[in-house]
PDB file of N, CA and C in Angstrom:
ATOM      1  N   SER A   1     106.098 118.717  95.497  1.00  0.00           N
ATOM      2  CA  SER A   1     105.023 117.615  95.720  1.00  0.00           C
ATOM      3  C   SER A   1     105.375 116.359  96.412  1.00  0.00           C
ATOM      4  N   PHE A   2     104.200 115.779  97.004  1.00  0.00           N
ATOM      5  CA  PHE A   2     104.817 114.724  97.686  1.00  0.00           C
ATOM      6  C   PHE A   2     105.463 113.473  96.998  1.00  0.00           C
ATOM      7  N   PHE A   3     104.873 113.184  95.653  1.00  0.00           N
ATOM      8  CA  PHE A   3     105.473 112.175  94.879  1.00  0.00           C
ATOM      9  C   PHE A   3     107.075 112.353  94.583  1.00  0.00           C
ATOM     10  N   SER A   4     107.293 114.012  94.093  1.00  0.00           N
ATOM     11  CA  SER A   4     108.344 114.060  94.053  1.00  0.00           C
ATOM     12  C   SER A   4     109.492 113.757  94.982  1.00  0.00           C
ATOM     13  N   THR A   5     109.040 113.931  96.512  1.00  0.00           N
ATOM     14  CA  THR A   5     109.789 113.696  97.673  1.00  0.00           C
ATOM     15  C   THR A   5     110.164 112.262  97.618  1.00  0.00           C
ATOM     16  N   VAL A   6     109.230 111.610  97.271  1.00  0.00           N
ATOM     17  CA  VAL A   6     109.431 109.969  97.383  1.00  0.00           C
ATOM     18  C   VAL A   6     110.311 109.532  96.318  1.00  0.00           C
ATOM     19  N   LEU A   7     110.328 109.969  95.099  1.00  0.00           N
ATOM     20  CA  LEU A   7     111.154 109.880  94.114  1.00  0.00           C
ATOM     21  C   LEU A   7     112.643 110.328  94.549  1.00  0.00           C
ATOM     22  N   GLY A   8     112.688 111.524  95.188  1.00  0.00           N
ATOM     23  CA  GLY A   8     114.227 111.809  95.548  1.00  0.00           C
ATOM     24  C   GLY A   8     114.707 110.854  96.725  1.00  0.00           C
ATOM     25  N   SER A   9     113.781 110.431  97.441  1.00  0.00           N
ATOM     26  CA  SER A   9     114.207 109.732  98.679  1.00  0.00           C
ATOM     27  C   SER A   9     114.703 107.925  97.923  1.00  0.00           C
ATOM     28  N   ALA A  10     113.896 107.851  97.030  1.00  0.00           N
ATOM     29  CA  ALA A  10     114.023 106.493  96.388  1.00  0.00           C
ATOM     30  C   ALA A  10     115.374 106.309  95.578  1.00  0.00           C
ATOM     31  N   ARG A  11     115.576 107.737  94.988  1.00  0.00           N
ATOM     32  CA  ARG A  11     116.773 107.763  94.043  1.00  0.00           C
ATOM     33  C   ARG A  11     117.944 107.734  95.080  1.00  0.00           C
ATOM     34  N   ARG A  12     118.052 108.162  95.993  1.00  0.00           N
ATOM     35  CA  ARG A  12     118.857 108.309  97.305  1.00  0.00           C
ATOM     36  C   ARG A  12     119.358 106.853  97.313  1.00  0.00           C
ATOM     37  N   ARG A  13     118.242 106.316  98.039  1.00  0.00           N
ATOM     38  CA  ARG A  13     118.756 105.052  98.635  1.00  0.00           C
ATOM     39  C   ARG A  13     119.025 104.053  97.432  1.00  0.00           C
ATOM     40  N   ALA A  14     118.517 104.098  96.166  1.00  0.00           N
ATOM     41  CA  ALA A  14     118.727 103.009  95.154  1.00  0.00           C
ATOM     42  C   ALA A  14     120.276 103.345  94.919  1.00  0.00           C
ATOM     43  N   CYS A  15     120.855 104.619  94.815  1.00  0.00           N
ATOM     44  CA  CYS A  15     122.077 104.926  94.207  1.00  0.00           C
ATOM     45  C   CYS A  15     123.119 104.795  95.297  1.00  0.00           C
ATOM     46  N   SER A  16     122.770 104.770  96.623  1.00  0.00           N
ATOM     47  CA  SER A  16     123.985 104.646  97.659  1.00  0.00           C
ATOM     48  C   SER A  16     124.750 103.348  97.351  1.00  0.00           C
ATOM     49  N   GLY A  17     126.084 103.624  97.536  1.00  0.00           N
ATOM     50  CA  GLY A  17     127.134 102.411  97.713  1.00  0.00           C
ATOM     51  C   GLY A  17     127.843 102.415  96.396  1.00  0.00           C
ATOM     52  N   GLY A  18     127.507 103.259  95.221  1.00  0.00           N
ATOM     53  CA  GLY A  18     128.448 103.272  94.072  1.00  0.00           C
ATOM     54  C   GLY A  18     128.236 102.330  93.062  1.00  0.00           C
ATOM     55  N   ILE A  19     128.467 102.521  91.838  1.00  0.00           N
ATOM     56  CA  ILE A  19     128.365 101.563  90.780  1.00  0.00           C
ATOM     57  C   ILE A  19     129.841 100.746  90.825  1.00  0.00           C
ATOM     58  N   MET A  20     130.880 101.711  91.011  1.00  0.00           N
ATOM     59  CA  MET A  20     132.067 100.730  90.730  1.00  0.00           C
ATOM     60  C   MET A  20     132.296  99.884  91.948  1.00  0.00           C
ATOM     61  N   ALA A  21     131.874  99.762  93.090  1.00  0.00           N
ATOM     62  CA  ALA A  21     131.976  98.877  94.136  1.00  0.00           C
ATOM     63  C   ALA A  21     131.551  97.411  93.884  1.00  0.00           C
ATOM     64  N   GLY A  22     132.350  96.568  93.763  1.00  0.00           N
ATOM     65  CA  GLY A  22     131.998  95.230  93.415  1.00  0.00           C
ATOM     66  C   GLY A  22     132.016  94.785  92.018  1.00  0.00           C
ATOM     67  N   MET A  23     133.464  95.738  91.192  1.00  0.00           N
ATOM     68  CA  MET A  23     133.400  95.570  89.766  1.00  0.00           C
ATOM     69  C   MET A  23     134.963  94.993  89.618  1.00  0.00           C
ATOM     70  N   PRO A  24     135.360  94.069  90.187  1.00  0.00           N
ATOM     71  CA  PRO A  24     136.588  93.692  89.989  1.00  0.00           C
ATOM     72  C   PRO A  24     137.090  93.290  88.339  1.00  0.00           C
ATOM     73  N   GLY A  25     137.906  93.741  88.129  1.00  0.00           N
ATOM     74  CA  GLY A  25     138.436  93.451  86.482  1.00  0.00           C
ATOM     75  C   GLY A  25     138.318  94.517  85.494  1.00  0.00           C
ATOM     76  N   ILE A  26     137.444  95.583  86.016  1.00  0.00           N
ATOM     77  CA  ILE A  26     137.260  96.719  85.259  1.00  0.00           C
ATOM     78  C   ILE A  26     138.178  97.703  84.799  1.00  0.00           C
ATOM     79  N   GLU A  27     139.277  97.412  85.811  1.00  0.00           N
ATOM     80  CA  GLU A  27     140.490  98.355  85.724  1.00  0.00           C
ATOM     81  C   GLU A  27     141.334  97.811  84.128  1.00  0.00           C
ATOM     82  N   GLY A  28     141.208  96.599  84.170  1.00  0.00           N
ATOM     83  CA  GLY A  28     141.802  95.948  83.038  1.00  0.00           C
ATOM     84  C   GLY A  28     141.440  96.281  81.571  1.00  0.00           C
ATOM     85  N   LEU A  29     140.335  97.050  81.691  1.00  0.00           N
ATOM     86  CA  LEU A  29     139.716  97.446  80.341  1.00  0.00           C
ATOM     87  C   LEU A  29     140.278  98.912  79.931  1.00  0.00           C
ATOM     88  N   SER A  30     140.340  99.094  78.656  1.00  0.00           N
ATOM     89  CA  SER A  30     140.434 100.486  78.260  1.00  0.00           C
ATOM     90  C   SER A  30     139.718 101.328  78.515  1.00  0.00           C
ATOM     91  N   SER A  31     140.402 102.814  78.566  1.00  0.00           N
ATOM     92  CA  SER A  31     139.381 103.775  79.182  1.00  0.00           C
ATOM     93  C   SER A  31     138.353 104.043  78.201  1.00  0.00           C
ATOM     94  N   ARG A  32     138.428 103.652  77.153  1.00  0.00           N
ATOM     95  CA  ARG A  32     137.119 103.650  76.340  1.00  0.00           C
ATOM     96  C   ARG A  32     136.200 102.651  76.387  1.00  0.00           C
ATOM     97  N   ASP A  33     136.608 101.325  76.783  1.00  0.00           N
ATOM     98  CA  ASP A  33     135.669 100.552  77.311  1.00  0.00           C
ATOM     99  C   ASP A  33     135.033 100.255  78.497  1.00  0.00           C
ATOM    100  N   GLN A  34     136.022 101.074  79.682  1.00  0.00           N
ATOM    101  CA  GLN A  34     135.277 101.344  80.919  1.00  0.00           C
ATOM    102  C   GLN A  34     134.234 102.282  80.913  1.00  0.00           C
ATOM    103  N   HIS A  35     134.543 103.532  79.824  1.00  0.00           N
ATOM    104  CA  HIS A  35     133.419 104.445  79.816  1.00  0.00           C
ATOM    105  C   HIS A  35     132.220 103.741  79.390  1.00  0.00           C
ATOM    106  N   ALA A  36     132.538 102.876  78.382  1.00  0.00           N
ATOM    107  CA  ALA A  36     131.361 102.419  77.434  1.00  0.00           C
ATOM    108  C   ALA A  36     130.395 101.476  78.878  1.00  0.00           C
ATOM    109  N   VAL A  37     131.248 100.487  79.403  1.00  0.00           N
ATOM    110  CA  VAL A  37     130.752  99.922  80.416  1.00  0.00           C
ATOM    111  C   VAL A  37     129.902 100.683  81.501  1.00  0.00           C
ATOM    112  N   MET A  38     130.371 101.737  81.832  1.00  0.00           N
ATOM    113  CA  MET A  38     129.938 102.604  83.046  1.00  0.00           C
ATOM    114  C   MET A  38     128.635 103.111  82.572  1.00  0.00           C
ATOM    115  N   THR A  39     128.739 103.874  81.057  1.00  0.00           N
ATOM    116  CA  THR A  39     127.554 104.346  80.463  1.00  0.00           C
ATOM    117  C   THR A  39     126.466 103.579  80.455  1.00  0.00           C
ATOM    118  N   HIS A  40     126.579 102.028  80.267  1.00  0.00           N
ATOM    119  CA  HIS A  40     125.658 101.099  80.199  1.00  0.00           C
ATOM    120  C   HIS A  40     125.287 100.927  81.565  1.00  0.00           C
ATOM    121  N   LEU A  41     126.115 100.627  82.565  1.00  0.00           N
ATOM    122  CA  LEU A  41     125.343 100.354  83.662  1.00  0.00           C
ATOM    123  C   LEU A  41     124.566 101.630  84.126  1.00  0.00           C
ATOM    124  N   ASN A  42     125.025 102.974  84.089  1.00  0.00           N
ATOM    125  CA  ASN A  42     124.338 103.956  84.677  1.00  0.00           C
ATOM    126  C   ASN A  42     122.913 104.044  83.988  1.00  0.00           C
ATOM    127  N   GLU A  43     122.643 103.559  82.507  1.00  0.00           N
ATOM    128  CA  GLU A  43     121.702 103.701  81.779  1.00  0.00           C
ATOM    129  C   GLU A  43     120.692 102.669  82.539  1.00  0.00           C
ATOM    130  N   MET A  44     121.411 101.241  82.956  1.00  0.00           N
ATOM    131  CA  MET A  44     120.668 100.169  83.502  1.00  0.00           C
ATOM    132  C   MET A  44     120.100 100.502  85.182  1.00  0.00           C
ATOM    133  N   THR A  45     121.058 101.377  85.756  1.00  0.00           N
ATOM    134  CA  THR A  45     120.495 101.714  87.049  1.00  0.00           C
ATOM    135  C   THR A  45     119.454 102.811  87.044  1.00  0.00           C
ATOM    136  N   LEU A  46     119.398 103.620  85.727  1.00  0.00           N
ATOM    137  CA  LEU A  46     118.171 104.392  85.879  1.00  0.00           C
ATOM    138  C   LEU A  46     117.190 103.893  85.454  1.00  0.00           C
ATOM    139  N   GLN A  47     117.314 102.827  84.579  1.00  0.00           N
ATOM    140  CA  GLN A  47     115.795 102.309  83.888  1.00  0.00           C
ATOM    141  C   GLN A  47     115.395 101.449  85.478  1.00  0.00           C
ATOM    142  N   GLU A  48     116.254 100.720  86.034  1.00  0.00           N
ATOM    143  CA  GLU A  48     115.837  99.891  87.154  1.00  0.00           C
ATOM    144  C   GLU A  48     115.055 101.099  88.272  1.00  0.00           C
ATOM    145  N   ASN A  49     115.620 102.240  88.564  1.00  0.00           N
ATOM    146  CA  ASN A  49     115.004 103.123  89.441  1.00  0.00           C
ATOM    147  C   ASN A  49     113.909 103.515  89.218  1.00  0.00           C
ATOM    148  N   MET A  50     113.612 103.869  87.891  1.00  0.00           N
ATOM    149  CA  MET A  50     112.447 104.197  87.138  1.00  0.00           C
ATOM    150  C   MET A  50     111.506 102.956  87.429  1.00  0.00           C
ATOM    151  N   ASN A  51     111.830 101.932  87.112  1.00  0.00           N
ATOM    152  CA  ASN A  51     111.229 100.648  87.207  1.00  0.00           C
ATOM    153  C   ASN A  51     110.560 100.719  88.830  1.00  0.00           C
ATOM    154  N   MET A  52     111.190 100.821  89.705  1.00  0.00           N
ATOM    155  CA  MET A  52     110.940 100.888  91.150  1.00  0.00           C
ATOM    156  C   MET A  52     110.152 101.697  91.287  1.00  0.00           C
ATOM    157  N   TYR A  53     110.390 103.075  91.068  1.00  0.00           N
ATOM    158  CA  TYR A  53     109.219 104.165  91.100  1.00  0.00           C
ATOM    159  C   TYR A  53     107.975 104.057  90.370  1.00  0.00           C
ATOM    160  N   ASN A  54     107.814 103.431  89.143  1.00  0.00           N
ATOM    161  CA  ASN A  54     106.674 103.436  88.676  1.00  0.00           C
ATOM    162  C   ASN A  54     106.044 102.225  89.488  1.00  0.00           C
ATOM    163  N   ASN A  55     106.634 101.052  90.014  1.00  0.00           N
ATOM    164  CA  ASN A  55     106.027 100.289  90.430  1.00  0.00           C
ATOM    165  C   ASN A  55     105.386 100.721  91.872  1.00  0.00           C
ATOM    166  N   LEU A  56     106.136 101.794  92.605  1.00  0.00           N
ATOM    167  CA  LEU A  56     105.899 102.151  93.769  1.00  0.00           C
ATOM    168  C   LEU A  56     104.559 103.083  93.618  1.00  0.00           C
ATOM    169  N   VAL A  57     104.604 103.970  92.822  1.00  0.00           N
ATOM    170  CA  VAL A  57     103.284 104.838  92.474  1.00  0.00           C
ATOM    171  C   VAL A  57     102.285 103.662  92.242  1.00  0.00           C
ATOM    172  N   GLU A  58     102.515 103.160  91.117  1.00  0.00           N
ATOM    173  CA  GLU A  58     101.345 102.307  90.846  1.00  0.00           C
ATOM    174  C   GLU A  58     100.569 101.603  92.102  1.00  0.00           C
ATOM    175  N   ARG A  59     101.408 100.904  92.955  1.00  0.00           N
ATOM    176  CA  ARG A  59     100.987  99.864  94.143  1.00  0.00           C
ATOM    177  C   ARG A  59     100.639 101.049  95.150  1.00  0.00           C
ATOM    178  N   CYS A  60     100.791 101.990  95.656  1.00  0.00           N
ATOM    179  CA  CYS A  60     100.382 102.657  96.432  1.00  0.00           C
ATOM    180  C   CYS A  60      99.252 103.704  96.027  1.00  0.00           C
ATOM    181  N   PHE A  61      99.463 104.075  94.683  1.00  0.00           N
ATOM    182  CA  PHE A  61      98.020 104.732  94.370  1.00  0.00           C
ATOM    183  C   PHE A  61      96.698 103.758  94.402  1.00  0.00           C
ATOM    184  N   SER A  62      96.998 102.655  93.718  1.00  0.00           N
ATOM    185  CA  SER A  62      96.150 101.373  93.855  1.00  0.00           C
ATOM    186  C   SER A  62      95.366 101.126  95.146  1.00  0.00           C
ATOM    187  N   GLU A  63      96.558 101.031  96.232  1.00  0.00           N
ATOM    188  CA  GLU A  63      96.001 100.434  97.468  1.00  0.00           C
ATOM    189  C   GLU A  63      95.299 101.861  98.327  1.00  0.00           C
ATOM    190  N   CYS A  64      95.761 103.172  97.908  1.00  0.00           N
ATOM    191  CA  CYS A  64      95.280 103.816  98.991  1.00  0.00           C
ATOM    192  C   CYS A  64      94.410 105.100  98.344  1.00  0.00           C
ATOM    193  N   ILE A  65      94.496 105.472  97.133  1.00  0.00           N
ATOM    194  CA  ILE A  65      93.475 106.396  96.558  1.00  0.00           C
ATOM    195  C   ILE A  65      92.297 106.110  96.289  1.00  0.00           C
ATOM    196  N   THR A  66      91.216 106.648  97.061  1.00  0.00           N
ATOM    197  CA  THR A  66      89.880 105.913  96.695  1.00  0.00           C
ATOM    198  C   THR A  66      88.899 107.195  96.194  1.00  0.00           C
ATOM    199  N   ASP A  67      89.343 108.608  96.761  1.00  0.00           N
ATOM    200  CA  ASP A  67      88.436 109.451  96.342  1.00  0.00           C
ATOM    201  C   ASP A  67      88.846 110.478  95.060  1.00  0.00           C
ATOM    202  N   PHE A  68      88.124 110.443  94.294  1.00  0.00           N
ATOM    203  CA  PHE A  68      88.713 111.337  92.895  1.00  0.00           C
ATOM    204  C   PHE A  68      87.765 112.562  92.912  1.00  0.00           C
ATOM    205  N   ARG A  69      87.145 113.045  93.891  1.00  0.00           N
ATOM    206  CA  ARG A  69      86.474 114.072  93.934  1.00  0.00           C
ATOM    207  C   ARG A  69      87.274 115.601  94.103  1.00  0.00           C
ATOM    208  N   THR A  70      88.399 115.491  94.642  1.00  0.00           N
ATOM    209  CA  THR A  70      89.021 116.634  94.991  1.00  0.00           C
ATOM    210  C   THR A  70      90.613 116.463  94.235  1.00  0.00           C
ATOM    211  N   LYS A  71      91.374 117.448  94.021  1.00  0.00           N
ATOM    212  CA  LYS A  71      92.564 117.565  93.489  1.00  0.00           C
ATOM    213  C   LYS A  71      93.725 116.930  94.304  1.00  0.00           C
ATOM    214  N   THR A  72      93.649 117.256  95.780  1.00  0.00           N
ATOM    215  CA  THR A  72      94.253 117.017  96.949  1.00  0.00           C
ATOM    216  C   THR A  72      94.064 115.558  97.628  1.00  0.00           C
ATOM    217  N   LEU A  73      95.006 115.135  98.222  1.00  0.00           N
ATOM    218  CA  LEU A  73      94.735 113.618  99.006  1.00  0.00           C
ATOM    219  C   LEU A  73      93.904 113.919 100.001  1.00  0.00           C
ATOM    220  N   ALA A  74      93.125 113.255 100.415  1.00  0.00           N
ATOM    221  CA  ALA A  74      92.643 113.075 101.928  1.00  0.00           C
ATOM    222  C   ALA A  74      93.500 112.576 103.326  1.00  0.00           C
ATOM    223  N   LYS A  75      93.396 113.282 104.193  1.00  0.00           N
ATOM    224  CA  LYS A  75      94.383 113.006 105.352  1.00  0.00           C
ATOM    225  C   LYS A  75      94.553 111.381 105.426  1.00  0.00           C
ATOM    226  N   GLY A  76      93.355 110.598 105.221  1.00  0.00           N
ATOM    227  CA  GLY A  76      93.470 109.205 105.366  1.00  0.00           C
ATOM    228  C   GLY A  76      94.561 108.445 104.393  1.00  0.00           C
ATOM    229  N   GLU A  77      94.195 108.906 103.176  1.00  0.00           N
ATOM    230  CA  GLU A  77      94.857 108.495 101.799  1.00  0.00           C
ATOM    231  C   GLU A  77      96.505 109.078 101.794  1.00  0.00           C
ATOM    232  N   GLU A  78      96.894 110.383 102.195  1.00  0.00           N
ATOM    233  CA  GLU A  78      97.979 110.623 102.483  1.00  0.00           C
ATOM    234  C   GLU A  78      98.936 109.652 103.518  1.00  0.00           C
ATOM    235  N   GLU A  79      98.339 109.635 104.687  1.00  0.00           N
ATOM    236  CA  GLU A  79      98.600 108.739 105.677  1.00  0.00           C
ATOM    237  C   GLU A  79      98.896 106.954 104.916  1.00  0.00           C
ATOM    238  N   CYS A  80      98.127 106.611 104.296  1.00  0.00           N
ATOM    239  CA  CYS A  80      98.248 105.352 103.483  1.00  0.00           C
ATOM    240  C   CYS A  80      99.453 105.053 102.812  1.00  0.00           C
ATOM    241  N   VAL A  81      99.356 106.390 101.692  1.00  0.00           N
ATOM    242  CA  VAL A  81     100.400 106.576 101.002  1.00  0.00           C
ATOM    243  C   VAL A  81     101.935 106.649 101.807  1.00  0.00           C
ATOM    244  N   LYS A  82     102.016 107.466 102.821  1.00  0.00           N
ATOM    245  CA  LYS A  82     103.297 107.370 103.565  1.00  0.00           C
ATOM    246  C   LYS A  82     103.810 106.124 103.841  1.00  0.00           C
ATOM    247  N   ARG A  83     102.726 105.238 104.572  1.00  0.00           N
ATOM    248  CA  ARG A  83     102.742 104.119 105.256  1.00  0.00           C
ATOM    249  C   ARG A  83     103.280 102.950 103.862  1.00  0.00           C
ATOM    250  N   CYS A  84     102.667 102.948 102.619  1.00  0.00           N
ATOM    251  CA  CYS A  84     102.893 101.998 101.650  1.00  0.00           C
ATOM    252  C   CYS A  84     104.566 102.112 101.310  1.00  0.00           C
ATOM    253  N   VAL A  85     104.795 103.675 101.057  1.00  0.00           N
ATOM    254  CA  VAL A  85     105.838 104.093 100.573  1.00  0.00           C
ATOM    255  C   VAL A  85     106.889 103.686 101.493  1.00  0.00           C
ATOM    256  N   GLN A  86     106.767 103.691 102.902  1.00  0.00           N
ATOM    257  CA  GLN A  86     107.962 103.228 103.821  1.00  0.00           C
ATOM    258  C   GLN A  86     107.851 101.599 103.712  1.00  0.00           C
ATOM    259  N   LYS A  87     106.764 101.020 103.757  1.00  0.00           N
ATOM    260  CA  LYS A  87     107.020  99.648 103.561  1.00  0.00           C
ATOM    261  C   LYS A  87     107.707  99.060 102.148  1.00  0.00           C
ATOM    262  N   TYR A  88     107.265  99.878 101.224  1.00  0.00           N
ATOM    263  CA  TYR A  88     107.853  99.437  99.867  1.00  0.00           C
ATOM    264  C   TYR A  88     109.486  99.653  99.785  1.00  0.00           C
ATOM    265  N   MET A  89     109.902 100.862 100.404  1.00  0.00           N
ATOM    266  CA  MET A  89     111.244 101.311 100.474  1.00  0.00           C
ATOM    267  C   MET A  89     112.174 100.060 101.330  1.00  0.00           C
ATOM    268  N   SER A  90     111.232  99.590 102.542  1.00  0.00           N
ATOM    269  CA  SER A  90     112.018  99.157 103.443  1.00  0.00           C
ATOM    270  C   SER A  90     112.140  97.613 102.914  1.00  0.00           C
ATOM    271  N   PHE A  91     111.220  97.002 102.224  1.00  0.00           N
ATOM    272  CA  PHE A  91     111.168  95.831 101.661  1.00  0.00           C
ATOM    273  C   PHE A  91     112.251  95.922 100.497  1.00  0.00           C
ATOM    274  N   SER A  92     112.287  96.963  99.679  1.00  0.00           N
ATOM    275  CA  SER A  92     113.208  97.017  98.600  1.00  0.00           C
ATOM    276  C   SER A  92     114.804  96.974  99.274  1.00  0.00           C
ATOM    277  N   SER A  93     114.800  97.939 100.109  1.00  0.00           N
ATOM    278  CA  SER A  93     116.553  97.688 100.905  1.00  0.00           C
ATOM    279  C   SER A  93     116.561  96.468 101.143  1.00  0.00           C
ATOM    280  N   ARG A  94     115.718  95.761 102.017  1.00  0.00           N
ATOM    281  CA  ARG A  94     116.079  94.356 102.528  1.00  0.00           C
ATOM    282  C   ARG A  94     116.407  93.647 101.325  1.00  0.00           C
ATOM    283  N   VAL A  95     115.699  93.301 100.638  1.00  0.00           N
ATOM    284  CA  VAL A  95     115.966  92.570  99.198  1.00  0.00           C
ATOM    285  C   VAL A  95     117.178  92.767  98.813  1.00  0.00           C
ATOM    286  N   ALA A  96     117.657  94.184  98.566  1.00  0.00           N
ATOM    287  CA  ALA A  96     119.199  94.476  98.112  1.00  0.00           C
ATOM    288  C   ALA A  96     120.103  93.972  98.767  1.00  0.00           C
ATOM    289  N   GLN A  97     119.904  94.180 100.412  1.00  0.00           N
ATOM    290  CA  GLN A  97     120.867  93.884 101.473  1.00  0.00           C
ATOM    291  C   GLN A  97     120.952  92.121 101.446  1.00  0.00           C
ATOM    292  N   ARG A  98     120.189  91.513 100.903  1.00  0.00           N
ATOM    293  CA  ARG A  98     120.065  89.972 101.031  1.00  0.00           C
ATOM    294  C   ARG A  98     120.743  89.846  99.704  1.00  0.00           C
ATOM    295  N   PHE A  99     120.524  90.374  98.722  1.00  0.00           N
ATOM    296  CA  PHE A  99     121.098  90.147  97.585  1.00  0.00           C
ATOM    297  C   PHE A  99     122.623  90.216  97.460  1.00  0.00           C
ATOM    298  N   GLN A 100     122.977  91.619  98.130  1.00  0.00           N
ATOM    299  CA  GLN A 100     124.256  91.904  98.219  1.00  0.00           C
ATOM    300  C   GLN A 100     125.066  90.800  99.185  1.00  0.00           C
ATOM    301  N   GLU A 101     124.371  89.842 100.278  1.00  0.00           N
ATOM    302  CA  GLU A 101     125.001  89.307 101.030  1.00  0.00           C
ATOM    303  C   GLU A 101     124.975  88.187 100.160  1.00  0.00           C
ATOM    304  N   LYS A 102     124.219  87.421  99.127  1.00  0.00           N
ATOM    305  CA  LYS A 102     124.541  86.329  98.691  1.00  0.00           C
ATOM    306  C   LYS A 102     125.463  86.595  97.472  1.00  0.00           C
ATOM    307  N   GLN A 103     125.553  87.868  97.302  1.00  0.00           N
ATOM    308  CA  GLN A 103     127.124  87.870  96.108  1.00  0.00           C
ATOM    309  C   GLN A 103     128.173  87.879  96.961  1.00  0.00           C
ATOM    310  N   GLN A 104     128.534  88.074  97.767  1.00  0.00           N
ATOM    311  CA  GLN A 104     129.533  88.178  98.892  1.00  0.00           C
ATOM    312  C   GLN A 104     129.893  86.779  99.046  1.00  0.00           C
ATOM    313  N   GLN A 105     128.700  86.182  99.296  1.00  0.00           N
ATOM    314  CA  GLN A 105     129.198  84.593  99.837  1.00  0.00           C
ATOM    315  C   GLN A 105     129.365  83.852  98.578  1.00  0.00           C
ATOM    316  N   MET A 106     129.219  84.278  97.536  1.00  0.00           N
ATOM    317  CA  MET A 106     129.384  83.596  96.287  1.00  0.00           C
ATOM    318  C   MET A 106     130.803  84.018  95.662  1.00  0.00           C
ATOM    319  N   ALA A 107     131.303  84.613  96.014  1.00  0.00           N
ATOM    320  CA  ALA A 107     132.489  85.516  95.811  1.00  0.00           C
ATOM    321  C   ALA A 107     133.758  84.827  96.720  1.00  0.00           C
ATOM    322  N   LYS A 108     133.335  84.317  97.855  1.00  0.00           N
ATOM    323  CA  LYS A 108     134.255  83.554  98.824  1.00  0.00           C
ATOM    324  C   LYS A 108     134.753  82.096  98.305  1.00  0.00           C
TER     325      LYS A 108
END
């Protein structure tokens, strides 16, 4: 389905870069503690991705879906959803990039 494709795209974009990047000091932890930290980070990442997906669906649905008489999206609705998803993903990517830049500046 269309939203499954969007979710897959969002998941790939959100997960690119790896969790271990930018985690100095984790190698000083015991194996058990490293595993606990990574498990917690994975859970946080999953929750963040689900929140992003839910916000995306809610926002684009509210903005674009107007006709509830059919099971399928009208052509205009589908185009609106595609534009909305693209804008949302571009915005999210830009915010993440700026956040990473700020983190790098603070690390110097």
